[in-house]
Amino acid sequence: MKRAGVISTAFLSVLLLGATAFGYPQPGPQQDKNKEQQQKQTKQPQRAQQQNRTQQPQRAQQQQQNRNTQQRAQNQQQQRQNTQQRAQNQQQQKQNTQQRAQQQQQQNRNTQQRAQNQQQQKQNTQQRAQQQQQQSRNTQQRAQNQQQQRQNTQQRSQQQQQQNRNTQQRAQNQQQQRQNTQQRAQQQQQTQNTQHAQQQRSQQQRNTQQGEQRGDWQQHRAQNFASEHRTWQQRGGYNGERIPDAYYRSHYGESHSFRVYSLPFMYVGGDPRFQYDGYWFSVMDPIPEYWASNWYQNDDMYVNYYDNGYYLYDRRYPGRPGLAISISF
């Protein structure tokens, strides 16, 4: 639009100049030259102005193009800067993200470190407490050891004193043993003398007792043992004392025999009785007529538990029934 306006103005100026020339009288040759010179002089500024007016839009357009080119260059530069800025921002964001991650990791490590430090402090506290306890125990142990050493010293002293007393006691015991040996020798001599006298008296008593036993056993002899003998079942069951099993096995039975004549003897309630190994045995049956007259003196007898009762057997007559006996203390 600006270029069209400049062209129209120049065209109007040319038209006006031409009309003016046609309206004046025609000059002469000199005047023509002057006029031509004047016209040339007049046209030169006009042409310069016209050129200026023609070139102004071009220069303006060129300047505008230059400005647009510069603007585009600036825009491209700005875009490159923006792109770089965005890349830097992204890089910065990545760095910030990494930094935050590193900070978070560092915080986690710090938290773990604080927890480990607290745990270590607790362990140190416990260890110090244990060490104090151990020190207390060591102190007590040392005190006990010292006490034990004192006791050991006292004990050794007491043992030494006891050894001295024992030595004295052994000397006294040896002296006493010598005295006892002499005393025992005297007592043995006295005992031998007493035993000799007692043996003489015992022999007289045994002779007297054997005479009495012979008469008592002869009075208690059966006419027919098979008809006069009665078992404990026939008597209604055994009702005397019982010998404990362990004591019975160690003192009675077929493997433990004895002779009656050497045992204490008496007559009670019409039945003869003798004492053997702490028990009194009353003979309830009559003496079999086939036993020898001196059976109580020469025959080996034994007590056996049979058929819920106790019986007296004579080894000289195996297979024959025993005599029913009752036991008492």
Protein backbone atom coordinates (compact mmCIF):
# COMPACT_ATOMS: atom_id res chain seq x y z
CA MET A 1 0.00 0.00 0.00
CA LYS A 2 2.83 2.46 0.74
CA ARG A 3 4.53 1.70 -2.62
CA ALA A 4 1.29 2.42 -4.57
CA GLY A 5 0.90 5.79 -2.78
CA VAL A 6 4.46 6.87 -3.67
CA ILE A 7 4.01 5.94 -7.37
CA SER A 8 0.71 7.93 -7.62
CA THR A 9 2.28 11.06 -6.15
CA ALA A 10 5.17 11.00 -8.67
CA PHE A 11 2.79 10.50 -11.58
CA LEU A 12 0.69 13.52 -10.60
CA SER A 13 3.80 15.67 -10.30
CA VAL A 14 4.85 14.83 -13.89
CA LEU A 15 1.40 15.64 -15.24
CA LEU A 16 1.38 19.05 -13.59
CA LEU A 17 4.78 19.93 -14.96
CA GLY A 18 3.72 19.02 -18.50
CA ALA A 19 0.59 21.14 -18.32
CA THR A 20 2.55 24.12 -17.15
CA ALA A 21 4.89 23.86 -20.10
CA PHE A 22 2.13 23.85 -22.62
CA GLY A 23 0.52 26.94 -21.14
CA TYR A 24 3.51 29.36 -21.46
CA PRO A 25 4.78 31.02 -24.81
CA GLN A 26 7.50 29.22 -26.69
CA PRO A 27 10.95 30.56 -25.88
CA GLY A 28 13.93 30.98 -28.23
CA PRO A 29 16.89 28.62 -28.52
CA GLN A 30 18.82 30.32 -25.75
CA GLN A 31 15.90 30.35 -23.62
CA ASP A 32 15.33 26.81 -24.55
CA LYS A 33 18.78 25.94 -23.36
CA ASN A 34 18.28 27.81 -20.19
CA LYS A 35 15.00 26.25 -19.72
CA GLU A 36 16.45 22.87 -20.45
CA GLN A 37 19.14 23.54 -17.95
CA GLN A 38 16.62 24.79 -15.48
CA GLN A 39 14.46 21.80 -16.20
CA LYS A 40 17.43 19.50 -15.84
CA GLN A 41 18.31 21.19 -12.62
CA THR A 42 14.72 20.98 -11.54
CA LYS A 43 14.34 17.35 -12.62
CA GLN A 44 17.53 16.16 -10.93
CA PRO A 45 16.23 16.86 -7.40
CA GLN A 46 12.89 15.55 -8.44
CA ARG A 47 14.44 12.42 -9.81
CA ALA A 48 16.50 12.13 -6.68
CA GLN A 49 13.39 12.64 -4.64
CA GLN A 50 11.53 10.22 -6.88
CA GLN A 51 14.32 7.69 -6.49
CA ASN A 52 14.34 8.33 -2.80
CA ARG A 53 10.61 7.93 -2.69
CA THR A 54 10.89 4.74 -4.76
CA GLN A 55 13.79 3.37 -2.75
CA GLN A 56 12.32 4.22 0.61
CA PRO A 57 9.71 1.44 0.46
CA GLN A 58 12.38 -0.95 -0.78
CA ARG A 59 14.74 0.08 1.94
CA ALA A 60 11.91 -0.15 4.45
CA GLN A 61 10.95 -3.54 3.06
CA GLN A 62 14.62 -4.61 3.13
CA GLN A 63 14.95 -3.32 6.66
CA GLN A 64 11.73 -5.10 7.56
CA GLN A 65 13.07 -8.25 5.93
CA ASN A 66 16.31 -7.78 7.81
CA ARG A 67 14.42 -7.24 10.99
CA ASN A 68 12.27 -10.31 10.24
CA THR A 69 15.40 -12.32 9.48
CA GLN A 70 16.98 -11.09 12.68
CA GLN A 71 13.74 -11.79 14.49
CA ARG A 72 13.63 -15.31 13.02
CA ALA A 73 17.28 -15.78 13.91
CA GLN A 74 16.52 -14.47 17.38
CA ASN A 75 13.45 -16.72 17.57
CA GLN A 76 15.52 -19.69 16.45
CA GLN A 77 18.21 -18.68 18.89
CA GLN A 78 15.53 -18.31 21.55
CA GLN A 79 14.08 -21.70 20.57
CA ARG A 80 17.53 -23.24 20.80
CA GLN A 81 18.00 -21.54 24.13
CA ASN A 82 14.54 -22.71 25.24
CA THR A 83 15.37 -26.22 24.04
CA GLN A 84 18.66 -26.05 25.88
CA GLN A 85 16.86 -24.57 28.87
CA ARG A 86 14.30 -27.37 28.78
CA ALA A 87 17.09 -29.94 28.44
CA GLN A 88 18.89 -28.23 31.31
CA ASN A 89 15.63 -28.16 33.29
CA GLN A 90 15.07 -31.85 32.55
CA GLN A 91 18.67 -32.54 33.46
CA GLN A 92 18.20 -30.43 36.59
CA GLN A 93 14.98 -32.30 37.38
CA LYS A 94 16.83 -35.58 36.92
CA GLN A 95 19.60 -34.32 39.12
CA ASN A 96 17.03 -33.05 41.65
CA THR A 97 15.26 -36.42 41.51
CA GLN A 98 18.56 -38.23 41.93
CA GLN A 99 19.51 -35.82 44.67
CA ARG A 100 16.18 -36.35 46.43
CA ALA A 101 16.66 -40.12 46.04
CA GLN A 102 20.18 -39.80 47.38
CA GLN A 103 18.89 -37.59 50.20
CA GLN A 104 16.18 -40.15 50.93
CA GLN A 105 18.78 -42.93 50.89
CA GLN A 106 21.00 -40.81 53.10
CA GLN A 107 18.06 -40.20 55.43
CA ASN A 108 17.39 -43.95 55.46
CA ARG A 109 21.04 -44.62 56.15
CA ASN A 110 21.00 -41.96 58.85
CA THR A 111 17.88 -43.53 60.34
CA GLN A 112 19.48 -46.96 60.22
CA GLN A 113 22.66 -45.53 61.65
CA ARG A 114 20.72 -43.87 64.47
CA ALA A 115 18.89 -47.16 65.14
CA GLN A 116 22.22 -49.01 65.07
CA ASN A 117 23.72 -46.38 67.35
CA GLN A 118 20.79 -46.73 69.76
CA GLN A 119 21.11 -50.52 69.59
CA GLN A 120 24.84 -50.21 70.16
CA GLN A 121 24.19 -47.88 73.08
CA LYS A 122 21.77 -50.40 74.56
CA GLN A 123 24.29 -53.17 74.04
CA ASN A 124 27.01 -51.01 75.57
CA THR A 125 24.73 -50.24 78.52
CA GLN A 126 23.94 -53.93 78.95
CA GLN A 127 27.59 -54.82 78.57
CA ARG A 128 28.57 -52.24 81.18
CA ALA A 129 25.87 -53.64 83.49
CA GLN A 130 27.15 -57.17 82.87
CA GLN A 131 30.71 -56.03 83.45
CA GLN A 132 29.64 -54.38 86.71
CA GLN A 133 27.84 -57.56 87.72
CA GLN A 134 30.90 -59.60 86.76
CA GLN A 135 33.09 -57.25 88.76
CA SER A 136 30.73 -57.62 91.71
CA ARG A 137 30.84 -61.41 91.32
CA ASN A 138 34.61 -61.31 91.02
CA THR A 139 34.79 -59.18 94.16
CA GLN A 140 32.52 -61.60 95.97
CA GLN A 141 34.55 -64.53 94.61
CA ARG A 142 37.77 -62.97 95.82
CA ALA A 143 36.19 -62.36 99.22
CA GLN A 144 34.97 -65.97 99.29
CA ASN A 145 38.39 -67.21 98.19
CA GLN A 146 40.03 -65.20 100.96
CA GLN A 147 37.47 -66.54 103.41
CA GLN A 148 38.10 -70.05 102.09
CA GLN A 149 41.84 -69.57 102.43
CA ARG A 150 41.38 -68.45 106.03
CA GLN A 151 39.13 -71.43 106.65
CA ASN A 152 41.65 -73.73 104.97
CA THR A 153 44.40 -72.28 107.13
CA GLN A 154 42.28 -72.78 110.22
CA GLN A 155 41.35 -76.27 109.02
CA ARG A 156 44.99 -77.18 108.43
CA SER A 157 45.79 -75.86 111.86
CA GLN A 158 42.93 -77.90 113.31
CA GLN A 159 44.02 -80.93 111.30
CA GLN A 160 47.55 -80.52 112.60
CA GLN A 161 46.19 -80.26 116.11
CA GLN A 162 43.96 -83.27 115.42
CA GLN A 163 46.96 -85.19 114.08
CA ASN A 164 48.83 -84.33 117.23
CA ARG A 165 45.87 -85.46 119.30
CA ASN A 166 45.58 -88.59 117.15
CA THR A 167 49.25 -89.30 117.67
CA GLN A 168 48.75 -88.91 121.37
CA GLN A 169 45.57 -90.97 121.15
CA ARG A 170 47.38 -93.73 119.23
CA ALA A 171 50.07 -93.74 121.84
CA GLN A 172 47.42 -93.95 124.54
CA ASN A 173 45.56 -96.62 122.51
CA GLN A 174 48.73 -98.63 122.13
CA GLN A 175 49.28 -98.32 125.85
CA GLN A 176 45.64 -99.25 126.40
CA GLN A 177 45.97 -102.16 123.96
CA ARG A 178 48.94 -103.46 125.87
CA GLN A 179 46.98 -103.12 129.05
CA ASN A 180 43.93 -104.71 127.39
CA THR A 181 46.09 -107.52 126.05
CA GLN A 182 47.36 -108.18 129.51
CA GLN A 183 43.83 -107.87 130.88
CA ARG A 184 42.42 -110.17 128.17
CA ALA A 185 45.11 -112.70 128.94
CA GLN A 186 44.08 -112.55 132.56
CA GLN A 187 40.39 -112.68 131.61
CA GLN A 188 41.00 -115.57 129.22
CA GLN A 189 42.68 -117.45 131.96
CA GLN A 190 39.78 -116.65 134.26
CA THR A 191 37.30 -117.50 131.45
CA GLN A 192 39.00 -120.80 130.77
CA ASN A 193 38.82 -121.60 134.43
CA THR A 194 35.16 -120.52 134.52
CA GLN A 195 34.30 -122.40 131.31
CA HIS A 196 35.93 -125.51 132.63
CA ALA A 197 33.81 -125.28 135.73
CA GLN A 198 30.71 -124.45 133.65
CA GLN A 199 31.40 -127.32 131.29
CA GLN A 200 31.52 -129.62 134.19
CA ARG A 201 28.24 -128.20 135.47
CA SER A 202 26.68 -128.17 131.94
CA GLN A 203 27.63 -131.75 131.38
CA GLN A 204 25.96 -132.63 134.63
CA GLN A 205 22.90 -130.56 133.61
CA ARG A 206 22.78 -132.14 130.12
CA ASN A 207 23.01 -135.54 131.65
CA THR A 208 20.19 -134.59 133.97
CA GLN A 209 18.20 -132.91 131.09
CA GLN A 210 18.76 -135.85 128.77
CA GLY A 211 17.50 -138.13 131.47
CA GLU A 212 14.44 -135.92 131.86
CA GLN A 213 13.94 -135.63 128.04
CA ARG A 214 14.28 -139.39 127.68
CA GLY A 215 11.57 -139.92 130.21
CA ASP A 216 9.31 -137.18 128.74
CA TRP A 217 9.72 -138.35 125.13
CA GLN A 218 9.13 -141.97 126.19
CA GLN A 219 5.92 -140.93 127.95
CA HIS A 220 4.85 -139.08 124.73
CA ARG A 221 5.43 -142.09 122.41
CA ALA A 222 2.49 -143.44 120.37
CA GLN A 223 1.16 -146.99 120.44
CA ASN A 224 -0.03 -146.72 116.81
CA PHE A 225 1.13 -143.51 115.15
CA ALA A 226 -0.95 -144.08 112.00
CA SER A 227 -4.19 -143.93 114.02
CA GLU A 228 -3.09 -141.34 116.62
CA HIS A 229 -1.47 -138.87 114.14
CA ARG A 230 -3.63 -135.95 112.97
CA THR A 231 -2.73 -133.37 110.31
CA TRP A 232 -3.41 -129.64 110.71
CA GLN A 233 -6.37 -129.96 108.33
CA GLN A 234 -7.81 -132.65 110.61
CA ARG A 235 -7.17 -130.33 113.54
CA GLY A 236 -9.17 -127.52 111.88
CA GLY A 237 -6.22 -125.59 110.47
CA TYR A 238 -2.97 -124.21 111.80
CA ASN A 239 -3.44 -121.43 114.41
CA GLY A 240 0.07 -120.76 115.70
CA GLU A 241 2.67 -118.10 114.84
CA ARG A 242 4.09 -117.95 111.33
CA ILE A 243 7.75 -117.56 110.44
CA PRO A 244 8.51 -114.79 107.87
CA ASP A 245 9.34 -116.26 104.47
CA ALA A 246 12.86 -114.77 104.23
CA TYR A 247 13.76 -115.94 107.72
CA TYR A 248 12.22 -119.35 107.07
CA ARG A 249 14.26 -119.86 103.89
CA SER A 250 17.54 -118.93 105.66
CA HIS A 251 16.95 -120.99 108.90
CA TYR A 252 14.43 -123.73 108.26
CA GLY A 253 13.46 -126.30 105.68
CA GLU A 254 15.03 -129.63 104.72
CA SER A 255 18.49 -128.08 104.23
CA HIS A 256 18.65 -126.81 107.85
CA SER A 257 18.81 -129.73 110.31
CA PHE A 258 19.45 -129.81 114.06
CA ARG A 259 19.34 -132.20 117.05
CA VAL A 260 16.78 -131.69 119.77
CA TYR A 261 18.76 -132.83 122.81
CA SER A 262 21.06 -129.73 122.82
CA LEU A 263 18.12 -127.27 122.74
CA PRO A 264 16.14 -125.72 125.61
CA PHE A 265 13.28 -128.08 126.55
CA MET A 266 10.15 -127.92 128.72
CA TYR A 267 6.71 -129.45 129.15
CA VAL A 268 3.71 -127.08 128.75
CA GLY A 269 0.04 -128.12 128.90
CA GLY A 270 0.90 -131.78 128.56
CA ASP A 271 2.93 -131.20 125.31
CA PRO A 272 6.73 -131.24 125.09
CA ARG A 273 8.30 -128.15 123.52
CA PHE A 274 11.84 -127.07 122.51
CA GLN A 275 13.40 -123.75 121.39
CA TYR A 276 15.28 -123.34 118.08
CA ASP A 277 16.45 -120.16 116.32
CA GLY A 278 14.28 -117.84 118.39
CA TYR A 279 11.01 -119.84 118.26
CA TRP A 280 9.39 -122.40 120.58
CA PHE A 281 8.04 -125.53 118.88
CA SER A 282 5.29 -127.51 120.66
CA VAL A 283 4.98 -131.13 119.48
CA MET A 284 1.24 -131.85 119.02
CA ASP A 285 1.51 -135.47 117.75
CA PRO A 286 2.83 -138.44 119.73
CA ILE A 287 6.30 -139.78 118.87
CA PRO A 288 6.01 -142.61 116.30
CA GLU A 289 6.62 -146.02 117.80
CA TYR A 290 9.09 -146.84 115.02
CA TRP A 291 11.44 -143.96 115.93
CA ALA A 292 14.52 -144.98 117.90
CA SER A 293 14.45 -144.37 121.63
CA ASN A 294 17.37 -141.95 121.37
CA TRP A 295 16.13 -140.10 118.26
CA TYR A 296 16.24 -136.66 120.01
CA GLN A 297 19.96 -137.22 120.68
CA ASN A 298 21.27 -138.89 117.49
CA ASP A 299 18.80 -138.12 114.67
CA ASP A 300 18.98 -135.03 112.42
CA MET A 301 15.62 -133.23 112.55
CA TYR A 302 14.23 -130.37 110.40
CA VAL A 303 11.11 -128.18 110.37
CA ASN A 304 9.16 -127.93 107.10
CA TYR A 305 6.06 -125.96 106.07
CA TYR A 306 3.66 -128.30 104.29
CA ASP A 307 -0.08 -128.26 103.49
CA ASN A 308 -0.74 -124.97 105.37
CA GLY A 309 1.06 -126.04 108.57
CA TYR A 310 4.43 -126.78 110.19
CA TYR A 311 5.75 -130.31 110.74
CA LEU A 312 8.84 -131.90 112.38
CA TYR A 313 10.62 -134.53 110.24
CA ASP A 314 13.34 -137.13 111.02
CA ARG A 315 15.93 -137.61 108.25
CA ARG A 316 16.31 -141.27 109.25
CA TYR A 317 12.75 -141.95 108.08
CA PRO A 318 12.32 -140.30 104.66
CA GLY A 319 8.85 -140.51 103.17
CA ARG A 320 7.24 -140.92 106.57
CA PRO A 321 4.79 -138.25 107.83
CA GLY A 322 6.08 -135.51 110.11
CA LEU A 323 4.83 -134.52 113.56
CA ALA A 324 2.41 -131.59 113.70
CA ILE A 325 4.06 -128.71 115.60
CA SER A 326 2.80 -125.29 116.72
CA ILE A 327 5.11 -122.25 116.81
CA SER A 328 5.20 -119.51 119.43
CA PHE A 329 7.63 -116.85 120.65
